[in-house]
Amino acid sequence: MGFRSKLLLSYIILIALITGSFYVYFGYSMQRGMLEDSNVNLTSQTQIARLLVMRDKGATKPHQLAADIGAV
């Protein structure tokens, strides 16, 4: 194995390690951020549903309530 092939192989391994570490780190941080955003979104939707139900005191049908929440 010549010098050039060893040098090329070391660059390929280095790029693979750097790319893999970025993939693992950013994948974990993106997943964590998306979970936090989902929790905030679900909490706000629950509060909206509660306010809409309290406003009409049960007069709203479930499909109308879902449409109202989706429109907000």
N, C-alpha and C. Protein backbone atom coordinates (compact mmCIF):
# COMPACT_ATOMS: atom_id res chain seq x y z
N MET A 1 0.86 -1.16 0.00
CA MET A 1 0.00 0.00 0.00
C MET A 1 0.91 1.23 0.00
N GLY A 2 0.65 2.11 -0.96
CA GLY A 2 1.49 3.28 -1.12
C GLY A 2 1.11 4.40 -0.17
N PHE A 3 1.97 5.40 -0.19
CA PHE A 3 1.76 6.57 0.68
C PHE A 3 0.46 7.29 0.35
N ARG A 4 0.19 7.45 -0.95
CA ARG A 4 -1.02 8.17 -1.35
C ARG A 4 -2.29 7.46 -0.89
N SER A 5 -2.30 6.15 -1.01
CA SER A 5 -3.49 5.40 -0.61
C SER A 5 -3.68 5.46 0.91
N LYS A 6 -2.58 5.42 1.66
CA LYS A 6 -2.68 5.54 3.12
C LYS A 6 -3.19 6.93 3.51
N LEU A 7 -2.70 7.94 2.85
CA LEU A 7 -3.13 9.30 3.12
C LEU A 7 -4.61 9.47 2.78
N LEU A 8 -5.03 8.96 1.64
CA LEU A 8 -6.43 9.03 1.24
C LEU A 8 -7.31 8.27 2.22
N LEU A 9 -6.87 7.11 2.64
CA LEU A 9 -7.63 6.30 3.60
C LEU A 9 -7.75 7.02 4.95
N SER A 10 -6.70 7.67 5.38
CA SER A 10 -6.77 8.40 6.65
C SER A 10 -7.73 9.59 6.54
N TYR A 11 -7.76 10.28 5.41
CA TYR A 11 -8.72 11.38 5.21
C TYR A 11 -10.15 10.86 5.21
N ILE A 12 -10.37 9.74 4.56
CA ILE A 12 -11.71 9.17 4.51
C ILE A 12 -12.17 8.77 5.91
N ILE A 13 -11.31 8.16 6.68
CA ILE A 13 -11.65 7.76 8.06
C ILE A 13 -11.92 8.99 8.91
N LEU A 14 -11.11 10.02 8.77
CA LEU A 14 -11.29 11.26 9.52
C LEU A 14 -12.64 11.92 9.17
N ILE A 15 -12.96 11.99 7.91
CA ILE A 15 -14.23 12.57 7.48
C ILE A 15 -15.40 11.73 8.00
N ALA A 16 -15.27 10.42 7.98
CA ALA A 16 -16.33 9.55 8.48
C ALA A 16 -16.54 9.75 9.98
N LEU A 17 -15.47 9.89 10.74
CA LEU A 17 -15.59 10.11 12.18
C LEU A 17 -16.23 11.46 12.50
N ILE A 18 -15.81 12.49 11.80
CA ILE A 18 -16.38 13.82 12.02
C ILE A 18 -17.86 13.84 11.64
N THR A 19 -18.18 13.26 10.49
CA THR A 19 -19.57 13.22 10.05
C THR A 19 -20.44 12.42 11.01
N GLY A 20 -19.93 11.29 11.48
CA GLY A 20 -20.67 10.48 12.43
C GLY A 20 -20.91 11.18 13.75
N SER A 21 -19.91 11.89 14.24
CA SER A 21 -20.10 12.60 15.51
C SER A 21 -21.10 13.74 15.35
N PHE A 22 -21.06 14.46 14.23
CA PHE A 22 -22.07 15.50 13.98
C PHE A 22 -23.47 14.90 13.89
N TYR A 23 -23.58 13.76 13.22
CA TYR A 23 -24.88 13.10 13.06
C TYR A 23 -25.45 12.71 14.42
N VAL A 24 -24.63 12.13 15.27
CA VAL A 24 -25.10 11.70 16.60
C VAL A 24 -25.47 12.91 17.45
N TYR A 25 -24.62 13.92 17.49
CA TYR A 25 -24.87 15.08 18.33
C TYR A 25 -26.11 15.85 17.88
N PHE A 26 -26.17 16.18 16.59
CA PHE A 26 -27.30 16.97 16.10
C PHE A 26 -28.60 16.17 16.10
N GLY A 27 -28.51 14.87 15.87
CA GLY A 27 -29.71 14.04 15.95
C GLY A 27 -30.29 14.05 17.34
N TYR A 28 -29.43 13.94 18.35
CA TYR A 28 -29.89 13.95 19.73
C TYR A 28 -30.45 15.32 20.12
N SER A 29 -29.76 16.38 19.75
CA SER A 29 -30.23 17.72 20.14
C SER A 29 -31.51 18.09 19.39
N MET A 30 -31.64 17.69 18.13
CA MET A 30 -32.88 17.97 17.39
C MET A 30 -34.05 17.20 17.99
N GLN A 31 -33.80 15.95 18.37
CA GLN A 31 -34.87 15.15 18.96
C GLN A 31 -35.33 15.76 20.28
N ARG A 32 -34.39 16.18 21.09
CA ARG A 32 -34.73 16.79 22.37
C ARG A 32 -35.51 18.09 22.17
N GLY A 33 -35.09 18.90 21.23
CA GLY A 33 -35.78 20.15 20.95
C GLY A 33 -37.17 19.93 20.40
N MET A 34 -37.33 18.92 19.55
CA MET A 34 -38.64 18.64 18.99
C MET A 34 -39.59 18.12 20.06
N LEU A 35 -39.08 17.34 21.00
CA LEU A 35 -39.93 16.84 22.08
C LEU A 35 -40.39 17.99 22.97
N GLU A 36 -39.50 18.92 23.27
CA GLU A 36 -39.88 20.07 24.09
C GLU A 36 -40.92 20.92 23.38
N ASP A 37 -40.73 21.14 22.07
CA ASP A 37 -41.71 21.91 21.30
C ASP A 37 -43.06 21.21 21.25
N SER A 38 -43.04 19.90 21.12
CA SER A 38 -44.29 19.14 21.09
C SER A 38 -45.02 19.24 22.41
N ASN A 39 -44.29 19.16 23.50
CA ASN A 39 -44.92 19.28 24.82
C ASN A 39 -45.55 20.66 25.01
N VAL A 40 -44.86 21.69 24.59
CA VAL A 40 -45.41 23.05 24.70
C VAL A 40 -46.65 23.19 23.83
N ASN A 41 -46.60 22.65 22.62
CA ASN A 41 -47.73 22.74 21.71
C ASN A 41 -48.94 21.98 22.26
N LEU A 42 -48.72 20.79 22.78
CA LEU A 42 -49.84 20.02 23.34
C LEU A 42 -50.44 20.71 24.56
N THR A 43 -49.59 21.31 25.38
CA THR A 43 -50.09 22.03 26.54
C THR A 43 -50.95 23.21 26.13
N SER A 44 -50.51 23.95 25.12
CA SER A 44 -51.30 25.11 24.68
C SER A 44 -52.61 24.67 24.04
N GLN A 45 -52.59 23.58 23.30
CA GLN A 45 -53.83 23.08 22.70
C GLN A 45 -54.80 22.60 23.77
N THR A 46 -54.29 22.01 24.83
CA THR A 46 -55.14 21.59 25.93
C THR A 46 -55.78 22.79 26.61
N GLN A 47 -55.01 23.84 26.80
CA GLN A 47 -55.55 25.05 27.42
C GLN A 47 -56.61 25.69 26.53
N ILE A 48 -56.38 25.68 25.21
CA ILE A 48 -57.37 26.23 24.29
C ILE A 48 -58.66 25.42 24.36
N ALA A 49 -58.54 24.10 24.36
CA ALA A 49 -59.73 23.25 24.43
C ALA A 49 -60.49 23.49 25.73
N ARG A 50 -59.77 23.62 26.82
CA ARG A 50 -60.43 23.86 28.10
C ARG A 50 -61.17 25.20 28.09
N LEU A 51 -60.55 26.23 27.54
CA LEU A 51 -61.21 27.53 27.47
C LEU A 51 -62.44 27.50 26.57
N LEU A 52 -62.34 26.80 25.45
CA LEU A 52 -63.48 26.71 24.54
C LEU A 52 -64.64 25.94 25.18
N VAL A 53 -64.33 24.88 25.91
CA VAL A 53 -65.38 24.12 26.57
C VAL A 53 -66.01 24.93 27.69
N MET A 54 -65.20 25.66 28.43
CA MET A 54 -65.74 26.48 29.52
C MET A 54 -66.59 27.63 28.97
N ARG A 55 -66.25 28.12 27.79
CA ARG A 55 -66.99 29.22 27.19
C ARG A 55 -68.42 28.80 26.85
N ASP A 56 -68.56 27.60 26.28
CA ASP A 56 -69.88 27.15 25.83
C ASP A 56 -70.58 26.23 26.83
N LYS A 57 -69.91 25.83 27.88
CA LYS A 57 -70.48 24.97 28.92
C LYS A 57 -71.15 23.71 28.33
N GLY A 58 -70.43 23.03 27.46
CA GLY A 58 -70.92 21.76 26.93
C GLY A 58 -71.79 21.86 25.71
N ALA A 59 -72.07 23.04 25.21
CA ALA A 59 -72.93 23.20 24.05
C ALA A 59 -72.21 22.85 22.75
N THR A 60 -70.89 22.85 22.80
CA THR A 60 -70.10 22.59 21.60
C THR A 60 -70.00 21.09 21.34
N LYS A 61 -70.25 20.70 20.12
CA LYS A 61 -70.12 19.30 19.73
C LYS A 61 -68.64 18.99 19.52
N PRO A 62 -68.24 17.73 19.71
CA PRO A 62 -66.81 17.39 19.61
C PRO A 62 -66.17 17.77 18.27
N HIS A 63 -66.86 17.56 17.17
CA HIS A 63 -66.25 17.89 15.87
C HIS A 63 -66.13 19.41 15.69
N GLN A 64 -67.06 20.16 16.24
CA GLN A 64 -66.96 21.62 16.17
C GLN A 64 -65.82 22.13 17.05
N LEU A 65 -65.65 21.51 18.21
CA LEU A 65 -64.55 21.87 19.10
C LEU A 65 -63.21 21.59 18.43
N ALA A 66 -63.10 20.45 17.76
CA ALA A 66 -61.85 20.11 17.05
C ALA A 66 -61.58 21.12 15.93
N ALA A 67 -62.61 21.54 15.24
CA ALA A 67 -62.43 22.54 14.19
C ALA A 67 -62.00 23.88 14.74
N ASP A 68 -62.58 24.26 15.90
CA ASP A 68 -62.20 25.52 16.55
C ASP A 68 -60.75 25.49 17.01
N ILE A 69 -60.32 24.37 17.58
CA ILE A 69 -58.94 24.26 18.04
C ILE A 69 -57.98 24.29 16.86
N GLY A 70 -58.33 23.64 15.77
CA GLY A 70 -57.48 23.63 14.59
C GLY A 70 -57.38 24.98 13.93
N ALA A 71 -58.39 25.81 14.08
CA ALA A 71 -58.40 27.13 13.44
C ALA A 71 -57.57 28.14 14.21
N VAL A 72 -57.25 27.86 15.46
CA VAL A 72 -56.52 28.81 16.30
C VAL A 72 -55.05 28.75 15.98
